[in-house]
Amino acid sequence: MTHLSEVDPLAGWSANLAALDRLPRGLGRDSERALRLAQRFNEEVVRPCYLQLDARLQDHPEEWPQDFIATAARWRLFSRWIPRLYGGEGWNFLSLYVFLEEVSSVCVGLANVIGVHYLGVATLMATWNTRLSEEVLTDVCRADLRGQPHLIALAITEPGAGTDMEETELLERITIGTVARPQGDGGYRLDGSKVFISNGHVSHWFMVISAEDRRRAADTGVVLVLRHDDQGFTRGRHENKMGQKACVASELLFTACPVPAARVAYAPADSQALAVAHRAMLQRIIDYVVSSTRAGVAAFAAGVARGSQRLAQDYALTKRLPKGRLIEQQWAQSCLAEMAKNAAMARQCWIESALANGLGGLYAPLLLPPLAQLEAATPALLWRACGRTLRHPWLQRQLQRRYLKDYPAPWQRHVSGLASMAKFAASDLAVATAGLALELMGADGLRQTQAAEKMLRDAKLLQIYEGTNQLNRVNYFKCSLRHDDAIAVFVREEGV
């Protein structure tokens, strides 16, 4: 196994340091701009509604935050981080993590409504299907301008296959329920269901990962694009979640749902055209996606940890004890320091992972300094004209060859491993910090109006989605600590 440290010693040692000279100038300025936007959005939109919304959804879990989504669209939050090629504002994706952490410090459920949309964007981009990207992302940006959000959701989890869907090695051992049967015209007919799909009831576009043969999912996996009004596609129940209630989780049902060839983002035929094993390309697409979004979960976690610490400190400042304020107690000061340390560590986790993505992951092509400088200096109308040229099949195939077939395996492992480490480390820190906040506040912290108990409910979900923390620990070992490919991974104890 070739390790990144043998190919790129500095990036293998620290993506933070490698990014200093290799990423475009101005990333800090963009991040500061995203931070100011998030702070203003929190004060004007999130703080006034998040507790009331959480209480209402406790009693009416079948509802979803329509008003919030419409407001976020007016702020152009669903197109601000889409490249200018497609009509977006082209803010760099590293600044998106800053925005998501800051909003999560108040309500990670509402932050996830925005973040999940970019999970869908990332999935589409990871296929390097430039024709479909131009069609879908242009529609999203135009809808955002009209104040009529067209969100994108990723549909991957199934009733009998959750975390397993993110590793081709695990796909070999299960039988998935959803099947995409090839049709003679290059399209598919989709049957089955997906569950726990975030934003499922409020999205316009859906990235659906299925397989031609449910018993050979790793070798026959397909990535399809569906619209909310497609024939044979319906939404089922809402999941009544414990936390992050503002981001609806949905069941999606497919009954002989026709998917035309024009909506096939990636299929075994594409790997055949590239003369490469399909399961390797499917894993590469999945890694591109989760490597970027697991860093986003870590940013959520950093926000939750920081928000929990802030709530606890505000409480300690005003809580009166017989001999003074709670914040003047040494044990309380030690607890608050521990919480602040956790938040800072969680932030460093997502920063290292996000910068690795910028250097060698999904966002690396967009952050090449010459391209970034050209993008900043080119008028938007000219970029849109360039975007239409991306529909050419030859160009699409060349990009898939460059960024899928020829994507360096050491970078794939490094970015994937760092993302898994960031996700499980930061989410565990968030849960621990939210728990400390409740311990410090005692019975007062259990009141819904105090928001501390909500922080803990919200934090627990961070340990589950984007791959359970158990899977991410094994993936971190596989990508970053396993020095010999002969060492088996994902082996269950009963198989030893």
Protein backbone atom coordinates (compact mmCIF):
# COMPACT_ATOMS: atom_id res chain seq x y z
CA MET A 1 0.00 0.00 0.00
CA THR A 2 1.35 3.43 -0.97
CA HIS A 3 0.68 6.03 1.72
CA LEU A 4 0.09 9.70 1.19
CA SER A 5 3.16 10.51 3.27
CA GLU A 6 5.24 8.83 0.56
CA VAL A 7 3.55 10.92 -2.16
CA ASP A 8 2.93 14.20 -0.34
CA PRO A 9 4.82 14.25 2.98
CA LEU A 10 3.54 17.61 4.27
CA ALA A 11 -0.14 16.98 3.48
CA GLY A 12 0.15 13.53 5.03
CA TRP A 13 1.52 15.13 8.19
CA SER A 14 -0.84 18.14 8.31
CA ALA A 15 -3.37 19.36 5.76
CA ASN A 16 -3.49 22.64 7.69
CA LEU A 17 0.15 23.38 6.93
CA ALA A 18 0.05 22.10 3.36
CA ALA A 19 -2.93 24.34 2.62
CA LEU A 20 -0.98 27.50 3.51
CA ASP A 21 0.85 27.58 0.18
CA ARG A 22 -1.33 25.40 -2.03
CA LEU A 23 -4.86 26.74 -1.70
CA PRO A 24 -5.94 30.06 -3.21
CA ARG A 25 -5.50 33.32 -1.36
CA GLY A 26 -8.68 34.75 0.02
CA LEU A 27 -10.08 31.60 1.63
CA GLY A 28 -9.86 33.28 5.03
CA ARG A 29 -11.71 36.30 3.71
CA ASP A 30 -14.47 34.09 2.32
CA SER A 31 -14.72 32.23 5.63
CA GLU A 32 -15.00 35.51 7.53
CA ARG A 33 -17.78 36.58 5.17
CA ALA A 34 -19.58 33.26 5.79
CA LEU A 35 -19.17 33.69 9.55
CA ARG A 36 -20.71 37.16 9.50
CA LEU A 37 -23.58 35.89 7.35
CA ALA A 38 -24.22 33.01 9.77
CA GLN A 39 -24.17 35.29 12.80
CA ARG A 40 -26.69 37.62 11.19
CA PHE A 41 -28.84 34.67 10.09
CA ASN A 42 -28.81 33.32 13.65
CA GLU A 43 -29.93 36.60 15.16
CA GLU A 44 -32.59 37.44 12.57
CA VAL A 45 -33.95 33.99 11.74
CA VAL A 46 -32.79 31.06 13.90
CA ARG A 47 -32.89 32.34 17.49
CA PRO A 48 -36.42 33.80 17.23
CA CYS A 49 -37.93 30.49 16.09
CA TYR A 50 -35.87 27.41 16.94
CA LEU A 51 -37.25 26.58 20.40
CA GLN A 52 -40.85 27.18 19.41
CA LEU A 53 -40.31 25.09 16.27
CA ASP A 54 -38.79 22.24 18.28
CA ALA A 55 -41.73 22.29 20.72
CA ARG A 56 -44.28 22.28 17.90
CA LEU A 57 -42.58 19.39 16.14
CA GLN A 58 -42.56 17.43 19.40
CA ASP A 59 -46.36 17.51 19.29
CA HIS A 60 -46.76 17.42 15.49
CA PRO A 61 -43.88 15.35 14.05
CA GLU A 62 -45.66 15.13 10.68
CA GLU A 63 -44.97 18.82 10.02
CA TRP A 64 -41.83 20.39 8.56
CA PRO A 65 -40.37 23.92 8.75
CA GLN A 66 -41.77 25.36 5.52
CA ASP A 67 -41.43 28.98 6.64
CA PHE A 68 -37.79 28.49 7.58
CA ILE A 69 -36.98 26.88 4.23
CA ALA A 70 -38.64 29.75 2.36
CA THR A 71 -36.68 32.26 4.43
CA ALA A 72 -33.40 30.43 3.82
CA ALA A 73 -34.13 30.57 0.09
CA ARG A 74 -34.62 34.34 0.29
CA TRP A 75 -31.16 34.49 1.86
CA ARG A 76 -29.98 32.40 -1.14
CA LEU A 77 -28.57 29.77 1.20
CA PHE A 78 -29.35 26.91 -1.21
CA SER A 79 -27.35 28.39 -4.09
CA ARG A 80 -24.69 30.53 -2.40
CA TRP A 81 -22.18 27.64 -2.41
CA ILE A 82 -22.99 26.40 -5.91
CA PRO A 83 -20.36 27.32 -8.56
CA ARG A 84 -21.01 30.38 -10.70
CA LEU A 85 -20.92 28.06 -13.72
CA TYR A 86 -24.46 27.09 -12.79
CA GLY A 87 -25.75 30.47 -11.63
CA GLY A 88 -24.76 30.21 -7.97
CA GLU A 89 -22.71 32.74 -6.06
CA GLY A 90 -19.66 30.48 -6.06
CA TRP A 91 -18.64 30.81 -2.42
CA ASN A 92 -15.92 28.24 -1.72
CA PHE A 93 -17.03 25.08 0.01
CA LEU A 94 -14.58 25.51 2.90
CA SER A 95 -16.56 28.56 4.00
CA LEU A 96 -19.72 26.42 4.05
CA TYR A 97 -18.32 24.50 7.04
CA VAL A 98 -17.82 27.80 8.88
CA PHE A 99 -21.43 28.78 8.18
CA LEU A 100 -22.77 25.39 9.31
CA GLU A 101 -20.80 25.37 12.56
CA GLU A 102 -22.04 28.83 13.49
CA VAL A 103 -25.71 28.05 12.79
CA SER A 104 -25.33 24.73 14.66
CA SER A 105 -24.21 26.60 17.75
CA VAL A 106 -27.87 27.66 18.02
CA CYS A 107 -29.78 24.85 16.26
CA VAL A 108 -28.10 22.00 14.42
CA GLY A 109 -31.47 20.76 13.14
CA LEU A 110 -32.00 23.94 11.13
CA ALA A 111 -28.34 23.94 10.07
CA ASN A 112 -28.87 20.40 8.77
CA VAL A 113 -31.76 21.53 6.56
CA ILE A 114 -29.18 23.60 4.68
CA GLY A 115 -26.31 21.13 5.00
CA VAL A 116 -28.30 18.16 3.69
CA HIS A 117 -29.05 20.08 0.51
CA TYR A 118 -25.31 20.35 -0.13
CA LEU A 119 -24.99 16.61 0.57
CA GLY A 120 -27.20 16.18 -2.50
CA VAL A 121 -25.12 18.72 -4.43
CA ALA A 122 -21.94 16.84 -3.48
CA THR A 123 -23.38 13.52 -4.66
CA LEU A 124 -24.25 14.94 -8.06
CA MET A 125 -20.84 16.57 -8.42
CA ALA A 126 -19.05 13.37 -7.35
CA THR A 127 -20.35 11.50 -10.41
CA TRP A 128 -18.66 14.05 -12.69
CA ASN A 129 -21.76 13.89 -14.86
CA THR A 130 -21.41 17.44 -16.14
CA ARG A 131 -24.55 17.35 -18.27
CA LEU A 132 -26.81 16.47 -15.36
CA SER A 133 -24.95 18.82 -13.02
CA GLU A 134 -25.60 21.69 -15.40
CA GLU A 135 -29.30 20.81 -15.68
CA VAL A 136 -30.03 20.25 -12.00
CA LEU A 137 -27.83 22.91 -10.41
CA THR A 138 -28.98 25.56 -12.88
CA ASP A 139 -32.56 24.74 -11.92
CA VAL A 140 -31.69 24.98 -8.21
CA CYS A 141 -30.08 28.40 -8.64
CA ARG A 142 -32.94 29.79 -10.72
CA ALA A 143 -35.50 28.55 -8.19
CA ASP A 144 -33.52 30.12 -5.35
CA LEU A 145 -33.63 33.47 -7.15
CA ARG A 146 -37.42 33.16 -7.37
CA GLY A 147 -37.63 32.33 -3.67
CA GLN A 148 -39.01 28.87 -4.50
CA PRO A 149 -36.36 26.48 -3.16
CA HIS A 150 -35.60 23.34 -5.17
CA LEU A 151 -33.60 21.35 -2.63
CA ILE A 152 -31.59 18.21 -3.44
CA ALA A 153 -31.66 15.15 -1.17
CA LEU A 154 -29.55 11.98 -1.14
CA ALA A 155 -31.50 8.72 -0.89
CA ILE A 156 -29.16 5.89 0.08
CA THR A 157 -30.32 4.31 3.39
CA GLU A 158 -32.71 1.35 3.20
CA PRO A 159 -34.77 -0.52 5.83
CA GLY A 160 -32.26 -3.38 5.83
CA ALA A 161 -29.10 -1.51 4.83
CA GLY A 162 -28.02 1.69 6.54
CA THR A 163 -24.32 2.11 7.21
CA ASP A 164 -23.62 -0.89 4.96
CA MET A 165 -24.52 1.21 1.91
CA GLU A 166 -21.40 3.36 2.33
CA GLU A 167 -18.82 0.58 1.93
CA THR A 168 -18.63 -1.74 -1.07
CA GLU A 169 -16.99 -4.36 1.16
CA LEU A 170 -20.19 -4.44 3.22
CA LEU A 171 -22.47 -4.36 0.19
CA GLU A 172 -21.08 -7.79 -0.72
CA ARG A 173 -22.60 -9.26 2.44
CA ILE A 174 -26.14 -7.90 2.26
CA THR A 175 -29.12 -7.96 -0.06
CA ILE A 176 -30.45 -4.47 -0.62
CA GLY A 177 -34.16 -3.94 -1.15
CA THR A 178 -34.19 -1.31 -3.89
CA VAL A 179 -33.48 -2.46 -7.42
CA ALA A 180 -33.03 -0.49 -10.66
CA ARG A 181 -33.84 -2.75 -13.60
CA PRO A 182 -32.17 -1.73 -16.88
CA GLN A 183 -34.47 -0.82 -19.75
CA GLY A 184 -33.63 -1.12 -23.43
CA ASP A 185 -33.28 2.63 -23.93
CA GLY A 186 -30.50 3.09 -21.36
CA GLY A 187 -32.90 4.08 -18.58
CA TYR A 188 -34.07 2.15 -15.52
CA ARG A 189 -37.22 1.10 -13.72
CA LEU A 190 -36.85 1.63 -9.98
CA ASP A 191 -38.64 -0.42 -7.29
CA GLY A 192 -38.18 -0.42 -3.53
CA SER A 193 -37.90 2.08 -0.70
CA LYS A 194 -35.48 4.32 1.13
CA VAL A 195 -35.76 5.40 4.77
CA PHE A 196 -34.39 8.10 7.09
CA ILE A 197 -33.91 10.40 4.10
CA SER A 198 -33.18 13.88 5.44
CA ASN A 199 -35.22 16.61 3.72
CA GLY A 200 -37.16 13.89 1.91
CA HIS A 201 -40.53 15.64 2.19
CA VAL A 202 -39.21 19.08 1.21
CA SER A 203 -36.80 18.33 -1.65
CA HIS A 204 -37.40 18.78 -5.37
CA TRP A 205 -34.52 16.62 -6.67
CA PHE A 206 -33.28 13.28 -5.36
CA MET A 207 -29.97 11.50 -5.85
CA VAL A 208 -30.88 7.81 -5.50
CA ILE A 209 -28.23 5.12 -5.09
CA SER A 210 -29.50 1.67 -6.05
CA ALA A 211 -28.29 -1.41 -7.97
CA GLU A 212 -29.20 -3.40 -11.05
CA ASP A 213 -28.81 -6.68 -9.14
CA ARG A 214 -29.69 -6.44 -5.45
CA ARG A 215 -27.46 -9.43 -4.67
CA ARG A 216 -24.44 -7.88 -6.42
CA ALA A 217 -24.87 -4.26 -5.40
CA ALA A 218 -21.15 -3.43 -5.36
CA ASP A 219 -20.72 -4.52 -8.97
CA THR A 220 -24.00 -3.14 -10.33
CA GLY A 221 -24.57 0.05 -8.34
CA VAL A 222 -26.21 3.00 -10.08
CA VAL A 223 -26.67 6.67 -9.21
CA LEU A 224 -29.97 8.05 -10.49
CA VAL A 225 -31.57 11.51 -10.46
CA LEU A 226 -35.29 11.76 -9.72
CA ARG A 227 -37.75 14.63 -9.43
CA HIS A 228 -40.35 14.86 -6.70
CA ASP A 229 -43.20 14.51 -9.22
CA ASP A 230 -41.85 11.52 -11.18
CA GLN A 231 -44.32 8.74 -11.95
CA GLY A 232 -44.20 5.91 -9.41
CA PHE A 233 -42.38 7.99 -6.79
CA THR A 234 -44.19 8.80 -3.54
CA ARG A 235 -43.26 9.91 -0.05
CA GLY A 236 -44.20 7.72 2.90
CA ARG A 237 -44.10 8.37 6.62
CA HIS A 238 -42.11 10.90 8.62
CA GLU A 239 -39.69 9.51 11.17
CA ASN A 240 -40.50 10.72 14.70
CA LYS A 241 -36.93 11.46 15.73
CA MET A 242 -35.61 12.24 19.20
CA GLY A 243 -33.37 15.07 17.98
CA GLN A 244 -32.85 17.44 15.06
CA LYS A 245 -36.61 17.45 14.55
CA ALA A 246 -36.43 20.52 12.30
CA CYS A 247 -34.80 18.42 9.57
CA VAL A 248 -37.49 15.99 8.49
CA ALA A 249 -36.46 12.36 7.87
CA SER A 250 -38.65 10.62 5.32
CA GLU A 251 -39.54 7.31 3.79
CA LEU A 252 -39.42 7.28 -0.03
CA LEU A 253 -41.30 4.70 -2.07
CA PHE A 254 -40.62 3.64 -5.67
CA THR A 255 -43.15 1.55 -7.61
CA ALA A 256 -42.15 0.79 -11.21
CA CYS A 257 -40.69 4.30 -11.30
CA PRO A 258 -39.27 5.03 -14.78
CA VAL A 259 -35.91 6.81 -14.85
CA PRO A 260 -34.96 7.95 -18.37
CA ALA A 261 -31.41 7.56 -19.66
CA ALA A 262 -30.97 11.33 -19.38
CA ARG A 263 -31.34 11.03 -15.59
CA VAL A 264 -28.72 8.34 -15.07
CA ALA A 265 -25.82 10.05 -13.32
CA TYR A 266 -23.51 7.02 -13.19
CA ALA A 267 -23.97 3.34 -14.06
CA PRO A 268 -21.89 0.22 -14.79
CA ALA A 269 -21.82 1.22 -18.47
CA ASP A 270 -19.82 4.34 -17.52
CA SER A 271 -17.17 2.25 -15.78
CA GLN A 272 -17.09 -0.07 -18.78
CA ALA A 273 -16.42 2.92 -21.04
CA LEU A 274 -13.54 3.90 -18.75
CA ALA A 275 -12.21 0.31 -18.77
CA VAL A 276 -12.13 0.12 -14.99
CA ALA A 277 -13.74 -2.06 -12.30
CA HIS A 278 -17.17 -0.67 -11.44
CA ARG A 279 -17.04 -1.42 -7.72
CA ALA A 280 -13.88 0.70 -7.44
CA MET A 281 -15.63 3.62 -9.16
CA LEU A 282 -18.73 3.24 -6.98
CA GLN A 283 -16.57 3.35 -3.84
CA ARG A 284 -14.71 6.35 -5.24
CA ILE A 285 -17.97 8.26 -5.77
CA ILE A 286 -19.18 7.37 -2.27
CA ASP A 287 -15.82 8.36 -0.76
CA TYR A 288 -15.87 11.69 -2.58
CA VAL A 289 -19.27 12.40 -1.02
CA VAL A 290 -18.85 11.18 2.55
CA SER A 291 -15.32 12.54 2.84
CA SER A 292 -16.73 16.03 2.35
CA THR A 293 -19.96 15.57 4.31
CA ARG A 294 -18.39 13.84 7.33
CA ALA A 295 -16.29 16.98 7.75
CA GLY A 296 -19.63 18.81 7.71
CA VAL A 297 -20.97 16.58 10.50
CA ALA A 298 -17.84 17.44 12.49
CA ALA A 299 -18.63 21.12 11.92
CA PHE A 300 -22.17 20.50 13.20
CA ALA A 301 -20.63 18.84 16.25
CA ALA A 302 -18.26 21.73 16.92
CA GLY A 303 -21.25 24.07 16.82
CA VAL A 304 -23.25 21.90 19.23
CA ALA A 305 -20.31 21.70 21.63
CA ARG A 306 -19.78 25.45 21.51
CA GLY A 307 -23.49 26.16 21.90
CA SER A 308 -23.73 23.80 24.89
CA GLN A 309 -20.79 25.52 26.56
CA ARG A 310 -22.33 28.92 25.96
CA LEU A 311 -25.67 27.86 27.46
CA ALA A 312 -23.94 26.41 30.52
CA GLN A 313 -21.80 29.50 31.03
CA ASP A 314 -24.77 31.85 30.68
CA TYR A 315 -26.62 29.77 33.25
CA ALA A 316 -23.65 29.75 35.64
CA LEU A 317 -23.38 33.54 35.40
CA THR A 318 -26.92 34.06 36.67
CA LYS A 319 -27.43 31.06 38.99
CA ARG A 320 -27.19 32.19 42.61
CA LEU A 321 -25.92 29.89 45.35
CA PRO A 322 -25.80 30.59 49.12
CA LYS A 323 -22.18 31.74 48.84
CA GLY A 324 -22.19 33.49 45.47
CA ARG A 325 -22.75 32.74 41.82
CA LEU A 326 -22.32 29.26 40.35
CA ILE A 327 -19.64 30.52 37.97
CA GLU A 328 -17.46 31.41 40.98
CA GLN A 329 -17.28 27.78 42.03
CA GLN A 330 -13.99 26.13 41.12
CA TRP A 331 -15.65 22.92 39.93
CA ALA A 332 -17.95 24.88 37.62
CA GLN A 333 -15.01 26.78 36.15
CA SER A 334 -13.19 23.50 35.52
CA CYS A 335 -16.29 22.04 33.85
CA LEU A 336 -16.72 25.08 31.58
CA ALA A 337 -13.05 24.91 30.62
CA GLU A 338 -13.42 21.24 29.70
CA MET A 339 -16.43 22.05 27.54
CA ALA A 340 -14.62 24.88 25.74
CA LYS A 341 -11.67 22.56 25.13
CA ASN A 342 -13.99 19.98 23.55
CA ALA A 343 -15.48 22.58 21.22
CA ALA A 344 -12.03 23.76 20.15
CA MET A 345 -10.87 20.20 19.48
CA ALA A 346 -13.99 19.44 17.44
CA ARG A 347 -13.31 22.50 15.30
CA GLN A 348 -9.73 21.44 14.65
CA CYS A 349 -11.03 18.03 13.53
CA TRP A 350 -13.28 19.45 10.82
CA ILE A 351 -10.71 22.02 9.71
CA GLU A 352 -8.06 19.35 9.09
CA SER A 353 -10.55 17.18 7.23
CA ALA A 354 -12.03 20.04 5.19
CA LEU A 355 -8.60 21.29 4.13
CA ALA A 356 -7.63 17.78 3.06
CA ASN A 357 -10.76 17.77 0.88
CA GLY A 358 -9.63 21.07 -0.60
CA LEU A 359 -6.20 19.66 -1.37
CA GLY A 360 -7.13 16.24 -2.72
CA GLY A 361 -10.86 15.56 -2.39
CA LEU A 362 -14.09 16.54 -4.08
CA TYR A 363 -13.46 20.28 -3.91
CA ALA A 364 -9.82 20.21 -5.02
CA PRO A 365 -10.51 21.03 -8.71
CA LEU A 366 -12.56 24.09 -7.70
CA LEU A 367 -9.76 25.30 -5.42
CA LEU A 368 -6.89 25.11 -7.89
CA PRO A 369 -5.36 28.61 -7.56
CA PRO A 370 -5.41 29.48 -11.31
CA LEU A 371 -9.03 28.35 -11.67
CA ALA A 372 -10.09 30.12 -8.47
CA GLN A 373 -8.47 33.36 -9.63
CA LEU A 374 -10.06 33.06 -13.06
CA GLU A 375 -13.44 32.36 -11.49
CA ALA A 376 -13.21 35.47 -9.32
CA ALA A 377 -12.27 37.72 -12.26
CA THR A 378 -14.74 36.39 -14.85
CA PRO A 379 -18.21 37.97 -15.22
CA ALA A 380 -21.08 35.72 -14.18
CA LEU A 381 -22.69 35.73 -17.63
CA LEU A 382 -19.50 34.42 -19.21
CA TRP A 383 -19.31 31.66 -16.63
CA ARG A 384 -22.86 30.66 -17.45
CA ALA A 385 -21.94 30.45 -21.13
CA CYS A 386 -19.01 28.21 -20.20
CA GLY A 387 -21.31 26.08 -18.07
CA ARG A 388 -23.37 25.11 -21.09
CA THR A 389 -20.29 23.66 -22.80
CA LEU A 390 -20.07 21.10 -19.99
CA ARG A 391 -22.93 19.20 -21.62
CA HIS A 392 -20.56 17.82 -24.27
CA PRO A 393 -20.17 14.03 -23.78
CA TRP A 394 -16.45 14.08 -24.65
CA LEU A 395 -15.69 16.63 -21.93
CA GLN A 396 -17.73 14.69 -19.38
CA ARG A 397 -15.83 11.50 -20.17
CA GLN A 398 -12.48 13.25 -19.84
CA LEU A 399 -13.42 14.64 -16.42
CA GLN A 400 -14.65 11.24 -15.26
CA ARG A 401 -11.38 9.73 -16.45
CA ARG A 402 -9.33 12.37 -14.64
CA TYR A 403 -11.23 12.54 -11.36
CA LEU A 404 -12.67 9.03 -11.06
CA LYS A 405 -10.49 6.55 -12.90
CA ASP A 406 -7.18 8.36 -12.33
CA TYR A 407 -7.94 9.79 -8.86
CA PRO A 408 -4.84 8.88 -6.81
CA ALA A 409 -5.60 6.08 -4.35
CA PRO A 410 -3.36 7.56 -1.59
CA TRP A 411 -5.41 10.77 -1.64
CA GLN A 412 -8.66 8.79 -1.60
CA ARG A 413 -7.57 6.88 1.50
CA HIS A 414 -6.12 9.92 3.25
CA VAL A 415 -9.14 12.16 2.75
CA SER A 416 -11.58 9.37 3.62
CA GLY A 417 -9.67 8.43 6.77
CA LEU A 418 -9.41 12.00 8.03
CA ALA A 419 -13.12 12.55 7.40
CA SER A 420 -14.05 9.47 9.43
CA MET A 421 -11.74 10.51 12.26
CA ALA A 422 -13.20 14.02 12.29
CA LYS A 423 -16.74 12.70 12.30
CA PHE A 424 -16.48 10.23 15.16
CA ALA A 425 -14.13 12.35 17.27
CA ALA A 426 -16.13 15.57 16.95
CA SER A 427 -19.54 13.95 17.43
CA ASP A 428 -18.35 12.13 20.56
CA LEU A 429 -17.01 15.44 21.87
CA ALA A 430 -20.35 17.10 21.15
CA VAL A 431 -22.30 14.45 23.08
CA ALA A 432 -19.87 14.65 26.00
CA THR A 433 -20.09 18.45 26.09
CA ALA A 434 -23.88 18.52 25.92
CA GLY A 435 -23.92 16.01 28.78
CA LEU A 436 -21.61 18.22 30.86
CA ALA A 437 -23.92 21.17 30.26
CA LEU A 438 -26.84 19.22 31.70
CA GLU A 439 -24.76 18.09 34.66
CA LEU A 440 -23.81 21.67 35.45
CA MET A 441 -27.35 23.00 35.07
CA GLY A 442 -28.99 20.14 36.93
CA ALA A 443 -32.79 19.89 36.82
CA ASP A 444 -33.00 23.39 35.29
CA GLY A 445 -31.27 22.08 32.17
CA LEU A 446 -34.08 19.61 31.52
CA ARG A 447 -36.54 22.39 30.78
CA GLN A 448 -37.16 22.70 27.05
CA THR A 449 -36.96 26.49 27.28
CA GLN A 450 -33.34 26.25 28.45
CA ALA A 451 -32.31 24.52 25.17
CA ALA A 452 -29.64 22.40 26.89
CA GLU A 453 -31.64 19.16 26.72
CA LYS A 454 -32.29 19.87 23.04
CA MET A 455 -28.55 20.14 22.46
CA LEU A 456 -28.05 16.63 23.85
CA ARG A 457 -30.94 15.19 21.82
CA ASP A 458 -29.55 16.81 18.69
CA ALA A 459 -25.97 15.72 19.41
CA LYS A 460 -26.84 12.00 19.69
CA LEU A 461 -27.92 11.89 16.04
CA LEU A 462 -24.48 13.12 14.98
CA GLN A 463 -23.05 9.78 16.11
CA ILE A 464 -25.37 7.89 13.75
CA TYR A 465 -25.76 9.54 10.36
CA GLU A 466 -23.07 9.76 7.67
CA GLY A 467 -22.04 6.30 8.82
CA THR A 468 -22.25 5.23 12.44
CA ASN A 469 -19.25 6.08 14.59
CA GLN A 470 -18.44 2.37 14.73
CA LEU A 471 -18.15 2.18 10.94
CA ASN A 472 -16.12 5.38 10.83
CA ARG A 473 -13.64 4.03 13.36
CA VAL A 474 -13.08 0.95 11.20
CA ASN A 475 -12.83 3.09 8.07
CA TYR A 476 -10.24 5.30 9.78
CA PHE A 477 -8.24 2.18 10.58
CA LYS A 478 -8.64 0.88 7.02
CA CYS A 479 -7.56 4.15 5.39
CA SER A 480 -4.97 5.54 7.81
CA LEU A 481 -3.66 2.78 10.09
CA ARG A 482 -3.75 -0.43 8.04
CA HIS A 483 -0.29 -0.71 6.50
CA ASP A 484 -0.94 -4.00 4.75
CA ASP A 485 -3.88 -4.65 2.43
CA ALA A 486 -3.82 -8.28 3.55
CA ILE A 487 -5.26 -7.24 6.91
CA ALA A 488 -9.00 -7.93 6.76
CA VAL A 489 -11.43 -5.21 7.79
CA PHE A 490 -15.18 -5.12 8.50
CA VAL A 491 -15.01 -8.69 9.83
CA ARG A 492 -17.74 -9.38 12.38
CA GLU A 493 -16.72 -11.16 15.57
CA GLU A 494 -18.68 -14.31 14.76
CA GLY A 495 -16.69 -14.59 11.56
CA VAL A 496 -13.33 -14.74 13.35
